[in-house]
Protein backbone atom coordinates (compact mmCIF):
# COMPACT_ATOMS: atom_id res chain seq x y z
CA MET A 1 -37.74 -39.05 2.82
CA ASN A 2 -40.27 -41.80 3.40
CA LYS A 3 -43.28 -41.04 1.26
CA ILE A 4 -46.62 -42.81 0.97
CA MET A 5 -49.28 -41.89 -1.56
CA LEU A 6 -52.92 -42.92 -1.28
CA PHE A 7 -55.28 -42.85 -4.25
CA ALA A 8 -58.91 -41.95 -3.81
CA ALA A 9 -61.39 -41.71 -6.69
CA THR A 10 -59.45 -40.12 -9.57
CA ALA A 11 -57.02 -38.03 -7.51
CA ALA A 12 -54.05 -38.62 -5.25
CA VAL A 13 -54.93 -37.33 -1.78
CA SER A 14 -52.36 -36.89 0.97
CA ILE A 15 -52.81 -37.82 4.62
CA LEU A 16 -49.28 -36.97 5.77
CA ALA A 17 -47.05 -34.09 4.80
CA GLY A 18 -44.85 -34.58 1.77
CA GLY A 19 -42.76 -32.51 -0.56
CA VAL A 20 -44.56 -33.40 -3.80
CA ALA A 21 -47.35 -31.26 -5.22
CA ALA A 22 -50.58 -33.12 -5.96
CA ALA A 23 -53.66 -32.59 -8.11
CA ALA A 24 -55.81 -33.06 -5.01
CA PRO A 25 -55.22 -33.60 -1.28
CA THR A 26 -52.38 -36.39 -0.86
CA SER A 27 -50.54 -38.63 1.72
CA SER A 28 -46.86 -38.84 2.65
CA ILE A 29 -44.24 -38.32 5.36
CA SER A 30 -41.45 -35.78 5.06
CA GLY A 31 -38.40 -34.95 7.14
CA HIS A 32 -39.40 -31.30 7.36
CA LEU A 33 -39.44 -29.78 10.85
CA ALA A 34 -41.83 -26.89 11.38
CA LYS A 35 -40.77 -23.72 13.17
CA ALA A 36 -41.70 -23.29 16.82
CA PRO A 37 -45.10 -21.77 17.63
CA LEU A 38 -45.35 -18.02 18.19
CA PRO A 39 -44.87 -16.75 21.78
CA HIS A 40 -47.99 -17.10 23.89
CA GLU A 41 -50.04 -14.23 25.21
CA PRO A 42 -48.61 -12.46 28.30
CA GLY A 43 -50.23 -13.29 31.61
CA PHE A 44 -51.12 -16.87 30.67
CA LYS A 45 -49.33 -19.81 32.22
CA VAL A 46 -48.68 -23.15 30.57
CA LEU A 47 -51.24 -25.67 31.82
CA PHE A 48 -50.09 -28.50 29.57
CA ALA A 49 -47.21 -28.74 27.10
CA GLN A 50 -46.36 -31.46 24.60
CA GLN A 51 -43.97 -29.61 22.32
CA VAL A 52 -40.95 -31.93 22.34
CA ASP A 53 -39.56 -34.71 20.13
CA ASP A 54 -40.81 -33.30 16.81
CA GLY A 55 -40.48 -36.21 14.40
CA GLY A 56 -41.07 -34.19 11.22
CA ALA A 57 -44.20 -36.02 10.09
CA ALA A 58 -47.51 -34.16 10.02
CA VAL A 59 -50.95 -35.75 9.65
CA VAL A 60 -53.66 -33.86 7.79
CA SER A 61 -56.42 -32.41 9.97
CA GLN A 62 -58.40 -30.13 7.74
CA LYS A 63 -61.79 -28.83 6.64
CA PHE A 64 -61.60 -28.62 2.83
CA GLU A 65 -63.75 -26.74 0.32
CA ALA A 66 -66.89 -28.46 -1.01
CA GLU A 67 -65.10 -30.02 -3.99
CA TYR A 68 -62.81 -31.98 -1.67
CA ALA A 69 -65.21 -32.43 1.27
CA SER A 70 -64.74 -36.22 1.18
CA TYR A 71 -61.25 -35.62 2.61
CA ASP A 72 -62.43 -33.64 5.64
CA SER A 73 -60.48 -35.11 8.55
CA GLN A 74 -59.55 -34.51 12.17
CA GLY A 75 -56.62 -35.40 14.36
CA ALA A 76 -56.92 -35.37 18.15
CA ASP A 77 -54.64 -35.93 21.12
CA ASP A 78 -55.20 -36.32 24.84
CA PHE A 79 -54.35 -34.47 28.03
CA THR A 80 -55.37 -34.78 31.67
CA VAL A 81 -56.50 -32.16 34.16
CA PRO A 82 -55.13 -33.45 37.50
CA LYS A 83 -57.36 -34.33 40.42
CA GLY A 84 -58.16 -31.31 42.55
CA SER A 85 -57.44 -28.90 39.69
CA PHE A 86 -59.70 -26.65 37.66
CA TRP A 87 -58.34 -25.18 34.42
CA LEU A 88 -59.41 -22.02 32.64
CA VAL A 89 -58.08 -22.60 29.12
CA LYS A 90 -57.62 -19.39 27.15
CA GLU A 91 -55.10 -20.26 24.45
CA VAL A 92 -53.95 -23.23 22.38
CA ASP A 93 -50.54 -23.34 20.66
CA VAL A 94 -50.09 -25.96 17.96
CA THR A 95 -47.11 -26.97 15.82
CA GLY A 96 -47.96 -27.85 12.23
CA GLN A 97 -46.92 -27.42 8.62
CA TYR A 98 -48.38 -26.71 5.20
CA PHE A 99 -47.75 -29.16 2.37
CA ASN A 100 -48.84 -29.48 -1.25
CA GLY A 101 -49.15 -25.70 -0.97
CA SER A 102 -48.11 -22.91 1.37
CA GLY A 103 -51.42 -22.01 3.02
CA PRO A 104 -52.40 -19.95 4.82
CA ALA A 105 -55.39 -21.38 6.67
CA SER A 106 -58.34 -19.00 6.83
CA SER A 107 -59.03 -20.07 10.44
CA GLU A 108 -58.95 -23.06 12.78
CA ASN A 109 -61.60 -25.22 14.47
CA VAL A 110 -60.66 -26.14 18.05
CA SER A 111 -62.68 -28.94 19.64
CA PHE A 112 -62.51 -30.58 23.06
CA PHE A 113 -63.84 -34.04 23.92
CA ARG A 114 -64.13 -36.24 26.96
CA ALA A 115 -61.98 -39.36 26.64
CA ASN A 116 -63.64 -42.76 26.54
CA ALA A 117 -62.08 -44.73 29.37
CA LYS A 118 -62.61 -48.05 27.59
CA THR A 119 -61.37 -47.17 24.11
CA SER A 120 -58.91 -44.35 24.95
CA LEU A 121 -60.47 -42.35 22.10
CA PRO A 122 -62.48 -39.10 21.96
CA ALA A 123 -66.05 -39.47 23.16
CA LYS A 124 -68.57 -36.73 24.02
CA GLN A 125 -67.71 -33.29 22.66
CA VAL A 126 -67.34 -30.73 25.45
CA MET A 127 -66.85 -27.62 23.34
CA MET A 128 -66.09 -26.51 19.78
CA PHE A 129 -64.69 -23.13 18.86
CA ALA A 130 -65.35 -22.82 15.12
CA LYS A 131 -63.40 -20.64 12.69
CA VAL A 132 -61.04 -19.07 15.21
CA LYS A 133 -58.34 -16.99 13.53
CA GLY A 134 -55.03 -17.83 15.16
CA LYS A 135 -51.64 -16.19 14.63
CA ASP A 136 -49.77 -18.15 11.95
CA ASN A 137 -45.96 -18.21 11.99
CA GLY A 138 -46.00 -18.57 8.22
CA THR A 139 -45.36 -22.30 8.01
CA GLY A 140 -48.46 -23.61 9.78
CA SER A 141 -47.80 -23.30 13.51
CA PHE A 142 -50.60 -21.41 15.27
CA THR A 143 -51.09 -19.39 18.44
CA ILE A 144 -54.85 -19.57 18.94
CA LYS A 145 -56.48 -17.32 21.53
CA LEU A 146 -59.89 -18.82 22.30
CA PRO A 147 -62.89 -16.48 21.88
CA SER A 148 -64.08 -17.42 25.36
CA THR A 149 -62.53 -19.18 28.34
CA LEU A 150 -63.01 -22.94 28.47
CA LYS A 151 -63.57 -24.26 32.00
CA LEU A 152 -62.34 -27.82 32.54
CA GLY A 153 -62.57 -29.80 35.75
CA ALA A 154 -60.36 -32.76 36.60
CA GLY A 155 -60.48 -35.50 34.01
CA HIS A 156 -59.15 -37.00 30.81
CA TYR A 157 -59.77 -35.10 27.56
CA PHE A 158 -58.86 -34.92 23.88
CA ILE A 159 -58.27 -31.78 21.84
CA SER A 160 -58.65 -31.56 18.07
CA ILE A 161 -57.15 -28.85 15.86
CA GLN A 162 -58.55 -28.62 12.33
CA ALA A 163 -57.44 -26.03 9.77
CA ASN A 164 -60.03 -24.40 7.52
CA LEU A 165 -58.15 -24.32 4.22
CA ALA A 166 -59.18 -24.61 0.57
CA PHE A 167 -56.90 -27.11 -1.14
CA SER A 168 -57.17 -25.29 -4.47
CA GLN A 169 -55.84 -22.11 -2.87
CA GLY A 170 -53.34 -23.22 -0.24
CA GLY A 171 -52.84 -26.99 -0.27
CA GLU A 172 -53.04 -28.89 2.99
CA TRP A 173 -52.29 -28.47 6.68
CA GLY A 174 -50.84 -31.21 8.86
CA TRP A 175 -50.48 -31.42 12.63
CA GLU A 176 -46.88 -32.29 13.56
CA ASN A 177 -46.19 -35.65 15.20
CA THR A 178 -43.70 -36.63 17.86
CA THR A 179 -40.98 -39.17 17.20
CA THR A 180 -41.64 -42.84 17.82
CA ALA A 181 -39.37 -42.81 20.88
CA GLN A 182 -42.10 -42.40 23.48
CA GLN A 183 -45.80 -41.86 23.95
CA PHE A 184 -47.38 -39.29 26.25
CA GLY A 185 -50.66 -40.52 27.71
CA ASP A 186 -52.92 -42.14 25.11
CA ALA A 187 -52.01 -42.22 21.43
CA ALA A 188 -53.38 -39.60 19.07
CA ALA A 189 -56.69 -40.32 17.34
CA TRP A 190 -57.83 -39.56 13.78
CA ARG A 191 -60.97 -39.75 11.67
CA ASN A 192 -62.13 -39.06 8.10
CA PRO A 193 -65.95 -39.20 8.38
CA PRO A 194 -66.71 -38.95 4.62
CA GLY A 195 -64.17 -41.71 3.87
CA GLY A 196 -62.38 -40.02 0.97
CA PHE A 197 -58.96 -41.31 2.04
CA GLU A 198 -60.23 -44.89 1.83
CA VAL A 199 -58.33 -46.05 4.92
CA GLY A 200 -61.36 -46.77 7.09
CA CYS A 201 -61.52 -44.69 10.30
CA THR A 202 -64.70 -42.88 9.38
CA LYS A 203 -65.08 -42.87 13.18
CA TRP A 204 -62.34 -42.16 15.69
CA GLY A 205 -59.49 -44.65 15.63
CA VAL A 206 -55.90 -44.77 16.87
CA GLU A 207 -54.03 -42.61 14.38
CA THR A 208 -51.07 -44.94 13.85
CA THR A 209 -53.52 -47.76 13.13
CA CYS A 210 -55.56 -45.65 10.70
CA ILE A 211 -52.37 -44.39 9.04
CA PRO A 212 -49.53 -46.89 9.69
CA SER A 213 -46.86 -44.78 7.99
CA GLY A 214 -44.13 -44.61 10.61
CA GLN A 215 -45.09 -41.34 12.29
CA GLY A 216 -44.91 -40.95 16.06
CA PRO A 217 -47.89 -41.61 18.34
CA ASP A 218 -48.65 -38.06 19.51
CA HIS A 219 -49.09 -34.46 18.32
CA LEU A 220 -47.39 -31.22 19.36
CA PHE A 221 -49.51 -28.69 21.27
CA SER A 222 -49.77 -26.62 24.44
CA LEU A 223 -52.68 -25.34 26.53
CA LEU A 224 -52.41 -22.01 28.34
CA GLY A 225 -54.54 -20.06 30.77
CA THR A 226 -54.97 -20.09 34.53
CA SER A 227 -55.80 -22.73 37.12
CA LYS A 228 -57.52 -22.95 40.47
């Protein structure tokens, strides 16, 4: 196990999943592999899938309770709707894990952004579905049926999955990373707007630059729905 701990204020706060309990949110990498996401809803087809090469690391992407709000953070990863296509996104499946606790998340925030062509980072937010209650497989992988259909034309986008979870009740949630073997599209992005992790990246940055801890460059997720 390769483990990295960051210290913020008076408490150790974890950015990546680890096997050591902490007094407050913390940062480490573990070799744990999360279970596969739950089966998707019938009638939906897979529009985009990036569910291979699970490297075992998981980066925190979480909305904490007020006491730990300085650690509120978001991970994001990109996908592309091909030219000539129009997607109706109805479900998001995401592979993740709980650490420093066993969850469960009360709900998830699912956000979509246009990609900035110059920086290859999230830019204008297209849509946010707040506090959506997905099906949890028990270890932090979610099947999230969106409350309304998201219509996406051709283009380059980022998606962010953020668990709503009180650290004092269930620990942390991390979004699983790929291995370092290959990168799909642009690298994942990450931000910690309040700055509690003290690693910079209060605005969107390349995740492996914000958190250079040996994790892979992408996250595991799928988009489902229909296309025209």
